[in-house]
Amino acid sequence: MPIRNPADLLAELPEKSCLLGLDAGEKTIGLAISDPGLSIASPLETVMRGRKASADYAKVAALAQARNVGGFVLGLPVNMDGSAGPRAQATRAFARNLLAQIDLPLVLWDERMSTQAVTRALLDADMSRAKRAEVVDKMAAAFILQGYLDWVRIGR
């Protein structure tokens, strides 16, 4: 299945399905899930990336099937000027490889500053460095997914 335009994703979702938000980094994949009403994103878990990328995709695909996921919102790390650097290219490759494992619609969503915003919020909550490291990726995935959900609700 090809990568979709963000405006077209909802039309392809099965009724009562959820969206899975992903923040794919070099070492981890942060995951978040929406409610079936597509209004709230909740942090789910952080998957440690293994030696074989195919195992990472299989983990995400299995989780998607178990959680009634109808589509993916994957954070795209573009540069502040909007250009695509090496991380954006790696994320596009991640998207293509994930779609080879599971036939669900996927959109790429601008994630500029998501990790920084989440880290700032966790610092404001006086969370320790060790605890922040445990949760930042899944919180960033929730931030990305919530951004998409808000965009849809506001009417694009």
N, C-alpha and C. Protein backbone atom coordinates (compact mmCIF):
# COMPACT_ATOMS: atom_id res chain seq x y z
N MET A 1 0.85 -1.17 0.00
CA MET A 1 0.00 0.00 0.00
C MET A 1 0.90 1.24 0.00
N PRO A 2 0.62 2.22 -0.82
CA PRO A 2 1.46 3.43 -0.86
C PRO A 2 1.19 4.35 0.33
N ILE A 3 2.12 5.25 0.56
CA ILE A 3 1.94 6.27 1.59
C ILE A 3 0.82 7.20 1.13
N ARG A 4 -0.07 7.54 2.05
CA ARG A 4 -1.26 8.33 1.72
C ARG A 4 -1.09 9.81 2.05
N ASN A 5 -1.94 10.61 1.45
CA ASN A 5 -2.07 12.02 1.77
C ASN A 5 -2.81 12.11 3.12
N PRO A 6 -2.38 12.98 4.04
CA PRO A 6 -3.06 13.06 5.34
C PRO A 6 -4.56 13.30 5.26
N ALA A 7 -5.00 14.05 4.27
CA ALA A 7 -6.43 14.34 4.14
C ALA A 7 -7.25 13.12 3.73
N ASP A 8 -6.61 12.10 3.19
CA ASP A 8 -7.32 10.93 2.69
C ASP A 8 -7.37 9.76 3.66
N LEU A 9 -6.61 9.82 4.73
CA LEU A 9 -6.48 8.67 5.63
C LEU A 9 -7.81 8.26 6.26
N LEU A 10 -8.56 9.19 6.78
CA LEU A 10 -9.79 8.83 7.50
C LEU A 10 -10.80 8.10 6.64
N ALA A 11 -10.85 8.42 5.36
CA ALA A 11 -11.80 7.76 4.46
C ALA A 11 -11.48 6.28 4.30
N GLU A 12 -10.25 5.89 4.58
CA GLU A 12 -9.84 4.49 4.40
C GLU A 12 -9.91 3.67 5.68
N LEU A 13 -10.20 4.31 6.80
CA LEU A 13 -10.21 3.58 8.07
C LEU A 13 -11.48 2.77 8.25
N PRO A 14 -11.35 1.52 8.67
CA PRO A 14 -12.54 0.74 9.04
C PRO A 14 -13.22 1.38 10.25
N GLU A 15 -14.51 1.22 10.34
CA GLU A 15 -15.27 1.77 11.46
C GLU A 15 -14.75 1.22 12.79
N LYS A 16 -14.67 2.08 13.78
CA LYS A 16 -14.24 1.73 15.15
C LYS A 16 -12.78 1.31 15.25
N SER A 17 -11.98 1.61 14.23
CA SER A 17 -10.56 1.28 14.33
C SER A 17 -9.81 2.46 14.93
N CYS A 18 -8.59 2.21 15.33
CA CYS A 18 -7.72 3.22 15.94
C CYS A 18 -6.59 3.55 14.98
N LEU A 19 -5.90 4.62 15.29
CA LEU A 19 -4.67 4.97 14.57
C LEU A 19 -3.49 4.70 15.49
N LEU A 20 -2.39 4.26 14.91
CA LEU A 20 -1.16 4.05 15.66
C LEU A 20 -0.17 5.13 15.25
N GLY A 21 0.28 5.90 16.22
CA GLY A 21 1.30 6.92 15.97
C GLY A 21 2.67 6.33 16.20
N LEU A 22 3.62 6.70 15.35
CA LEU A 22 4.97 6.17 15.46
C LEU A 22 6.00 7.28 15.40
N ASP A 23 6.99 7.17 16.28
CA ASP A 23 8.16 8.04 16.26
C ASP A 23 9.35 7.12 16.08
N ALA A 24 9.79 6.94 14.84
CA ALA A 24 10.84 5.98 14.51
C ALA A 24 12.21 6.63 14.60
N GLY A 25 12.96 6.23 15.61
CA GLY A 25 14.32 6.72 15.77
C GLY A 25 15.33 5.65 15.40
N GLU A 26 16.59 5.98 15.55
CA GLU A 26 17.65 5.02 15.21
C GLU A 26 17.69 3.86 16.19
N LYS A 27 17.39 4.11 17.47
CA LYS A 27 17.50 3.08 18.49
C LYS A 27 16.16 2.59 19.02
N THR A 28 15.11 3.40 18.87
CA THR A 28 13.80 3.05 19.41
C THR A 28 12.69 3.45 18.45
N ILE A 29 11.52 2.86 18.69
CA ILE A 29 10.30 3.26 17.99
C ILE A 29 9.28 3.58 19.07
N GLY A 30 8.92 4.83 19.19
CA GLY A 30 7.88 5.23 20.13
C GLY A 30 6.52 4.98 19.50
N LEU A 31 5.60 4.44 20.30
CA LEU A 31 4.28 4.11 19.80
C LEU A 31 3.20 4.76 20.66
N ALA A 32 2.16 5.23 20.00
CA ALA A 32 1.00 5.81 20.67
C ALA A 32 -0.24 5.33 19.93
N ILE A 33 -1.36 5.32 20.62
CA ILE A 33 -2.59 4.84 20.01
C ILE A 33 -3.71 5.84 20.24
N SER A 34 -4.60 5.93 19.27
CA SER A 34 -5.78 6.79 19.42
C SER A 34 -6.92 5.97 19.99
N ASP A 35 -7.92 6.68 20.47
CA ASP A 35 -9.16 6.01 20.83
C ASP A 35 -9.94 5.74 19.53
N PRO A 36 -10.94 4.85 19.56
CA PRO A 36 -11.70 4.58 18.32
C PRO A 36 -12.45 5.80 17.77
N GLY A 37 -12.71 6.78 18.63
CA GLY A 37 -13.36 8.00 18.16
C GLY A 37 -12.41 8.99 17.52
N LEU A 38 -11.13 8.65 17.50
CA LEU A 38 -10.08 9.44 16.85
C LEU A 38 -10.00 10.86 17.40
N SER A 39 -10.06 10.98 18.73
CA SER A 39 -9.93 12.30 19.32
C SER A 39 -8.76 12.43 20.28
N ILE A 40 -8.32 11.33 20.90
CA ILE A 40 -7.26 11.41 21.91
C ILE A 40 -6.16 10.40 21.60
N ALA A 41 -4.92 10.86 21.65
CA ALA A 41 -3.75 10.00 21.48
C ALA A 41 -3.17 9.69 22.86
N SER A 42 -2.85 8.44 23.09
CA SER A 42 -2.25 8.01 24.36
C SER A 42 -0.93 7.30 24.09
N PRO A 43 0.10 7.62 24.89
CA PRO A 43 1.37 6.89 24.74
C PRO A 43 1.14 5.41 24.99
N LEU A 44 1.79 4.56 24.22
CA LEU A 44 1.58 3.13 24.35
C LEU A 44 2.84 2.43 24.86
N GLU A 45 3.88 2.42 24.07
CA GLU A 45 5.13 1.77 24.49
C GLU A 45 6.27 2.23 23.61
N THR A 46 7.47 1.84 24.03
CA THR A 46 8.66 2.10 23.25
C THR A 46 9.28 0.76 22.89
N VAL A 47 9.50 0.54 21.61
CA VAL A 47 10.12 -0.69 21.12
C VAL A 47 11.59 -0.41 20.88
N MET A 48 12.43 -1.21 21.50
CA MET A 48 13.87 -1.10 21.25
C MET A 48 14.15 -1.74 19.90
N ARG A 49 14.85 -1.03 19.03
CA ARG A 49 15.16 -1.56 17.71
C ARG A 49 16.22 -2.64 17.85
N GLY A 50 16.01 -3.72 17.10
CA GLY A 50 16.94 -4.84 17.14
C GLY A 50 17.93 -4.80 16.00
N ARG A 51 18.68 -5.87 15.88
CA ARG A 51 19.65 -5.96 14.80
C ARG A 51 18.99 -6.13 13.45
N LYS A 52 17.86 -6.84 13.44
CA LYS A 52 17.15 -7.06 12.18
C LYS A 52 15.92 -6.15 12.12
N ALA A 53 15.93 -5.26 11.15
CA ALA A 53 14.81 -4.33 11.01
C ALA A 53 13.51 -5.06 10.75
N SER A 54 13.56 -6.20 10.07
CA SER A 54 12.33 -6.94 9.78
C SER A 54 11.63 -7.36 11.07
N ALA A 55 12.38 -7.65 12.13
CA ALA A 55 11.78 -7.99 13.42
C ALA A 55 11.07 -6.77 14.02
N ASP A 56 11.63 -5.58 13.83
CA ASP A 56 10.99 -4.36 14.31
C ASP A 56 9.65 -4.14 13.62
N TYR A 57 9.63 -4.31 12.31
CA TYR A 57 8.39 -4.13 11.55
C TYR A 57 7.37 -5.18 11.96
N ALA A 58 7.82 -6.39 12.20
CA ALA A 58 6.91 -7.46 12.61
C ALA A 58 6.29 -7.16 13.97
N LYS A 59 7.06 -6.57 14.90
CA LYS A 59 6.53 -6.19 16.21
C LYS A 59 5.43 -5.14 16.06
N VAL A 60 5.69 -4.14 15.24
CA VAL A 60 4.71 -3.08 15.04
C VAL A 60 3.46 -3.65 14.36
N ALA A 61 3.65 -4.51 13.38
CA ALA A 61 2.51 -5.13 12.68
C ALA A 61 1.68 -5.97 13.63
N ALA A 62 2.33 -6.74 14.49
CA ALA A 62 1.59 -7.58 15.46
C ALA A 62 0.82 -6.72 16.44
N LEU A 63 1.42 -5.65 16.90
CA LEU A 63 0.73 -4.74 17.81
C LEU A 63 -0.47 -4.09 17.12
N ALA A 64 -0.29 -3.71 15.87
CA ALA A 64 -1.39 -3.10 15.11
C ALA A 64 -2.57 -4.06 14.98
N GLN A 65 -2.29 -5.30 14.71
CA GLN A 65 -3.37 -6.29 14.59
C GLN A 65 -4.05 -6.52 15.92
N ALA A 66 -3.29 -6.57 16.99
CA ALA A 66 -3.85 -6.83 18.33
C ALA A 66 -4.69 -5.66 18.84
N ARG A 67 -4.40 -4.45 18.39
CA ARG A 67 -5.07 -3.24 18.90
C ARG A 67 -6.12 -2.68 17.95
N ASN A 68 -6.52 -3.40 16.94
CA ASN A 68 -7.54 -2.94 15.98
C ASN A 68 -7.14 -1.61 15.32
N VAL A 69 -5.89 -1.57 14.86
CA VAL A 69 -5.37 -0.38 14.20
C VAL A 69 -5.79 -0.41 12.73
N GLY A 70 -6.31 0.72 12.27
CA GLY A 70 -6.73 0.83 10.88
C GLY A 70 -5.77 1.63 10.02
N GLY A 71 -4.79 2.29 10.65
CA GLY A 71 -3.83 3.09 9.89
C GLY A 71 -2.74 3.63 10.79
N PHE A 72 -1.70 4.18 10.16
CA PHE A 72 -0.52 4.67 10.86
C PHE A 72 -0.31 6.15 10.60
N VAL A 73 0.17 6.85 11.62
CA VAL A 73 0.65 8.23 11.48
C VAL A 73 2.11 8.20 11.94
N LEU A 74 3.01 8.34 10.99
CA LEU A 74 4.44 8.24 11.24
C LEU A 74 5.06 9.63 11.20
N GLY A 75 5.76 9.99 12.28
CA GLY A 75 6.42 11.28 12.34
C GLY A 75 7.55 11.38 11.33
N LEU A 76 7.54 12.46 10.56
CA LEU A 76 8.57 12.71 9.55
C LEU A 76 9.49 13.83 10.04
N PRO A 77 10.74 13.50 10.35
CA PRO A 77 11.65 14.51 10.89
C PRO A 77 12.28 15.39 9.82
N VAL A 78 11.55 16.42 9.43
CA VAL A 78 12.09 17.36 8.44
C VAL A 78 12.90 18.43 9.17
N ASN A 79 13.78 19.08 8.44
CA ASN A 79 14.59 20.16 8.99
C ASN A 79 13.71 21.38 9.25
N MET A 80 14.21 22.30 10.04
CA MET A 80 13.42 23.49 10.38
C MET A 80 13.03 24.30 9.16
N ASP A 81 13.82 24.24 8.10
CA ASP A 81 13.49 24.98 6.87
C ASP A 81 12.56 24.18 5.95
N GLY A 82 12.14 22.99 6.41
CA GLY A 82 11.22 22.17 5.62
C GLY A 82 11.90 21.17 4.70
N SER A 83 13.21 21.23 4.60
CA SER A 83 13.93 20.30 3.73
C SER A 83 14.05 18.93 4.40
N ALA A 84 14.29 17.92 3.59
CA ALA A 84 14.42 16.56 4.09
C ALA A 84 15.89 16.16 4.16
N GLY A 85 16.33 15.80 5.34
CA GLY A 85 17.71 15.35 5.52
C GLY A 85 17.78 13.84 5.62
N PRO A 86 18.90 13.32 6.10
CA PRO A 86 19.09 11.87 6.19
C PRO A 86 18.06 11.17 7.09
N ARG A 87 17.65 11.79 8.19
CA ARG A 87 16.66 11.17 9.08
C ARG A 87 15.30 11.06 8.37
N ALA A 88 14.94 12.06 7.59
CA ALA A 88 13.68 12.00 6.84
C ALA A 88 13.74 10.88 5.81
N GLN A 89 14.88 10.72 5.15
CA GLN A 89 15.04 9.63 4.18
C GLN A 89 14.94 8.28 4.87
N ALA A 90 15.55 8.15 6.04
CA ALA A 90 15.47 6.89 6.79
C ALA A 90 14.04 6.61 7.23
N THR A 91 13.29 7.65 7.58
CA THR A 91 11.90 7.48 7.98
C THR A 91 11.04 7.04 6.80
N ARG A 92 11.29 7.60 5.64
CA ARG A 92 10.54 7.17 4.45
C ARG A 92 10.83 5.69 4.14
N ALA A 93 12.07 5.27 4.32
CA ALA A 93 12.43 3.86 4.12
C ALA A 93 11.71 2.99 5.16
N PHE A 94 11.67 3.46 6.41
CA PHE A 94 10.94 2.75 7.46
C PHE A 94 9.48 2.58 7.05
N ALA A 95 8.87 3.63 6.54
CA ALA A 95 7.46 3.57 6.11
C ALA A 95 7.27 2.53 5.01
N ARG A 96 8.12 2.55 4.01
CA ARG A 96 8.00 1.58 2.91
C ARG A 96 8.15 0.15 3.42
N ASN A 97 9.11 -0.07 4.31
CA ASN A 97 9.34 -1.42 4.84
C ASN A 97 8.20 -1.88 5.74
N LEU A 98 7.65 -0.97 6.52
CA LEU A 98 6.50 -1.32 7.37
C LEU A 98 5.30 -1.69 6.50
N LEU A 99 5.07 -0.92 5.45
CA LEU A 99 3.94 -1.19 4.56
C LEU A 99 4.10 -2.51 3.81
N ALA A 100 5.34 -2.98 3.67
CA ALA A 100 5.56 -4.29 3.06
C ALA A 100 5.14 -5.41 4.01
N GLN A 101 5.10 -5.11 5.32
CA GLN A 101 4.71 -6.10 6.34
C GLN A 101 3.21 -6.12 6.61
N ILE A 102 2.57 -4.96 6.50
CA ILE A 102 1.15 -4.86 6.86
C ILE A 102 0.45 -3.91 5.90
N ASP A 103 -0.68 -4.33 5.42
CA ASP A 103 -1.40 -3.59 4.39
C ASP A 103 -2.42 -2.64 5.03
N LEU A 104 -1.92 -1.55 5.61
CA LEU A 104 -2.77 -0.52 6.19
C LEU A 104 -2.31 0.84 5.66
N PRO A 105 -3.22 1.80 5.60
CA PRO A 105 -2.81 3.12 5.13
C PRO A 105 -1.88 3.80 6.13
N LEU A 106 -0.96 4.60 5.61
CA LEU A 106 0.03 5.29 6.43
C LEU A 106 0.19 6.70 5.90
N VAL A 107 0.28 7.65 6.81
CA VAL A 107 0.60 9.03 6.44
C VAL A 107 1.85 9.46 7.18
N LEU A 108 2.59 10.35 6.55
CA LEU A 108 3.76 10.97 7.18
C LEU A 108 3.31 12.31 7.73
N TRP A 109 3.69 12.60 8.98
CA TRP A 109 3.26 13.82 9.64
C TRP A 109 4.47 14.57 10.17
N ASP A 110 4.55 15.84 9.84
CA ASP A 110 5.67 16.69 10.24
C ASP A 110 5.84 16.63 11.77
N GLU A 111 7.00 16.20 12.19
CA GLU A 111 7.23 16.05 13.63
C GLU A 111 8.24 17.06 14.17
N ARG A 112 8.49 18.12 13.43
CA ARG A 112 9.46 19.11 13.90
C ARG A 112 9.18 19.51 15.35
N MET A 113 10.19 19.43 16.15
CA MET A 113 10.17 19.89 17.54
C MET A 113 9.34 19.01 18.48
N SER A 114 8.86 17.84 18.03
CA SER A 114 8.04 17.00 18.91
C SER A 114 8.82 16.51 20.12
N THR A 115 10.02 15.99 19.90
CA THR A 115 10.81 15.47 21.02
C THR A 115 11.19 16.62 21.96
N GLN A 116 11.53 17.77 21.41
CA GLN A 116 11.88 18.91 22.25
C GLN A 116 10.68 19.37 23.07
N ALA A 117 9.49 19.41 22.48
CA ALA A 117 8.29 19.83 23.20
C ALA A 117 7.97 18.86 24.33
N VAL A 118 8.09 17.57 24.06
CA VAL A 118 7.82 16.56 25.08
C VAL A 118 8.87 16.64 26.19
N THR A 119 10.13 16.78 25.82
CA THR A 119 11.19 16.88 26.82
C THR A 119 10.98 18.10 27.71
N ARG A 120 10.59 19.21 27.12
CA ARG A 120 10.33 20.43 27.89
C ARG A 120 9.18 20.20 28.87
N ALA A 121 8.12 19.54 28.42
CA ALA A 121 6.99 19.26 29.31
C ALA A 121 7.40 18.33 30.45
N LEU A 122 8.23 17.35 30.15
CA LEU A 122 8.68 16.43 31.19
C LEU A 122 9.61 17.13 32.18
N LEU A 123 10.43 18.05 31.69
CA LEU A 123 11.28 18.85 32.58
C LEU A 123 10.43 19.74 33.48
N ASP A 124 9.39 20.33 32.90
CA ASP A 124 8.49 21.16 33.69
C ASP A 124 7.78 20.35 34.78
N ALA A 125 7.57 19.06 34.50
CA ALA A 125 6.95 18.17 35.48
C ALA A 125 7.98 17.65 36.48
N ASP A 126 9.22 18.13 36.36
CA ASP A 126 10.31 17.76 37.27
C ASP A 126 10.61 16.26 37.23
N MET A 127 10.53 15.68 36.05
CA MET A 127 10.82 14.26 35.89
C MET A 127 12.33 14.05 35.79
N SER A 128 12.82 13.01 36.41
CA SER A 128 14.25 12.72 36.40
C SER A 128 14.72 12.36 34.98
N ARG A 129 16.01 12.52 34.75
CA ARG A 129 16.59 12.20 33.44
C ARG A 129 16.33 10.74 33.07
N ALA A 130 16.49 9.83 34.03
CA ALA A 130 16.29 8.40 33.76
C ALA A 130 14.85 8.12 33.37
N LYS A 131 13.91 8.71 34.08
CA LYS A 131 12.49 8.50 33.77
C LYS A 131 12.13 9.12 32.42
N ARG A 132 12.70 10.30 32.13
CA ARG A 132 12.44 10.94 30.83
C ARG A 132 12.90 10.04 29.70
N ALA A 133 14.07 9.43 29.85
CA ALA A 133 14.61 8.55 28.81
C ALA A 133 13.68 7.38 28.54
N GLU A 134 12.99 6.90 29.59
CA GLU A 134 12.07 5.78 29.43
C GLU A 134 10.81 6.14 28.65
N VAL A 135 10.35 7.38 28.76
CA VAL A 135 9.04 7.72 28.22
C VAL A 135 9.04 8.68 27.05
N VAL A 136 10.17 9.33 26.76
CA VAL A 136 10.16 10.41 25.77
C VAL A 136 9.72 9.94 24.38
N ASP A 137 10.12 8.75 23.96
CA ASP A 137 9.78 8.31 22.60
C ASP A 137 8.30 8.01 22.43
N LYS A 138 7.69 7.35 23.41
CA LYS A 138 6.26 7.09 23.29
C LYS A 138 5.44 8.36 23.49
N MET A 139 5.96 9.29 24.30
CA MET A 139 5.29 10.58 24.46
C MET A 139 5.39 11.39 23.16
N ALA A 140 6.54 11.32 22.49
CA ALA A 140 6.70 12.01 21.21
C ALA A 140 5.75 11.42 20.17
N ALA A 141 5.57 10.10 20.18
CA ALA A 141 4.62 9.47 19.26
C ALA A 141 3.21 9.96 19.54
N ALA A 142 2.85 10.12 20.81
CA ALA A 142 1.53 10.64 21.16
C ALA A 142 1.38 12.09 20.71
N PHE A 143 2.44 12.89 20.84
CA PHE A 143 2.43 14.28 20.40
C PHE A 143 2.19 14.36 18.89
N ILE A 144 2.87 13.51 18.15
CA ILE A 144 2.72 13.45 16.69
C ILE A 144 1.30 13.04 16.32
N LEU A 145 0.82 11.97 16.92
CA LEU A 145 -0.53 11.48 16.61
C LEU A 145 -1.58 12.51 17.01
N GLN A 146 -1.43 13.14 18.18
CA GLN A 146 -2.40 14.14 18.60
C GLN A 146 -2.42 15.33 17.65
N GLY A 147 -1.26 15.70 17.13
CA GLY A 147 -1.20 16.78 16.14
C GLY A 147 -2.04 16.45 14.91
N TYR A 148 -1.93 15.22 14.44
CA TYR A 148 -2.74 14.80 13.29
C TYR A 148 -4.23 14.80 13.65
N LEU A 149 -4.57 14.22 14.80
CA LEU A 149 -5.98 14.16 15.21
C LEU A 149 -6.59 15.55 15.37
N ASP A 150 -5.84 16.49 15.92
CA ASP A 150 -6.31 17.86 16.07
C ASP A 150 -6.52 18.51 14.70
N TRP A 151 -5.59 18.26 13.79
CA TRP A 151 -5.70 18.81 12.45
C TRP A 151 -6.97 18.30 11.76
N VAL A 152 -7.25 17.02 11.92
CA VAL A 152 -8.46 16.44 11.32
C VAL A 152 -9.71 17.04 11.95
N ARG A 153 -9.72 17.15 13.28
CA ARG A 153 -10.90 17.65 13.99
C ARG A 153 -11.19 19.11 13.66
N ILE A 154 -10.13 19.91 13.51
CA ILE A 154 -10.31 21.33 13.22
C ILE A 154 -10.77 21.53 11.78
N GLY A 155 -10.61 20.52 10.96
CA GLY A 155 -11.10 20.61 9.60
C GLY A 155 -10.03 20.93 8.58
N ARG A 156 -8.80 20.65 8.93
CA ARG A 156 -7.66 20.82 8.04
C ARG A 156 -7.56 22.26 7.67
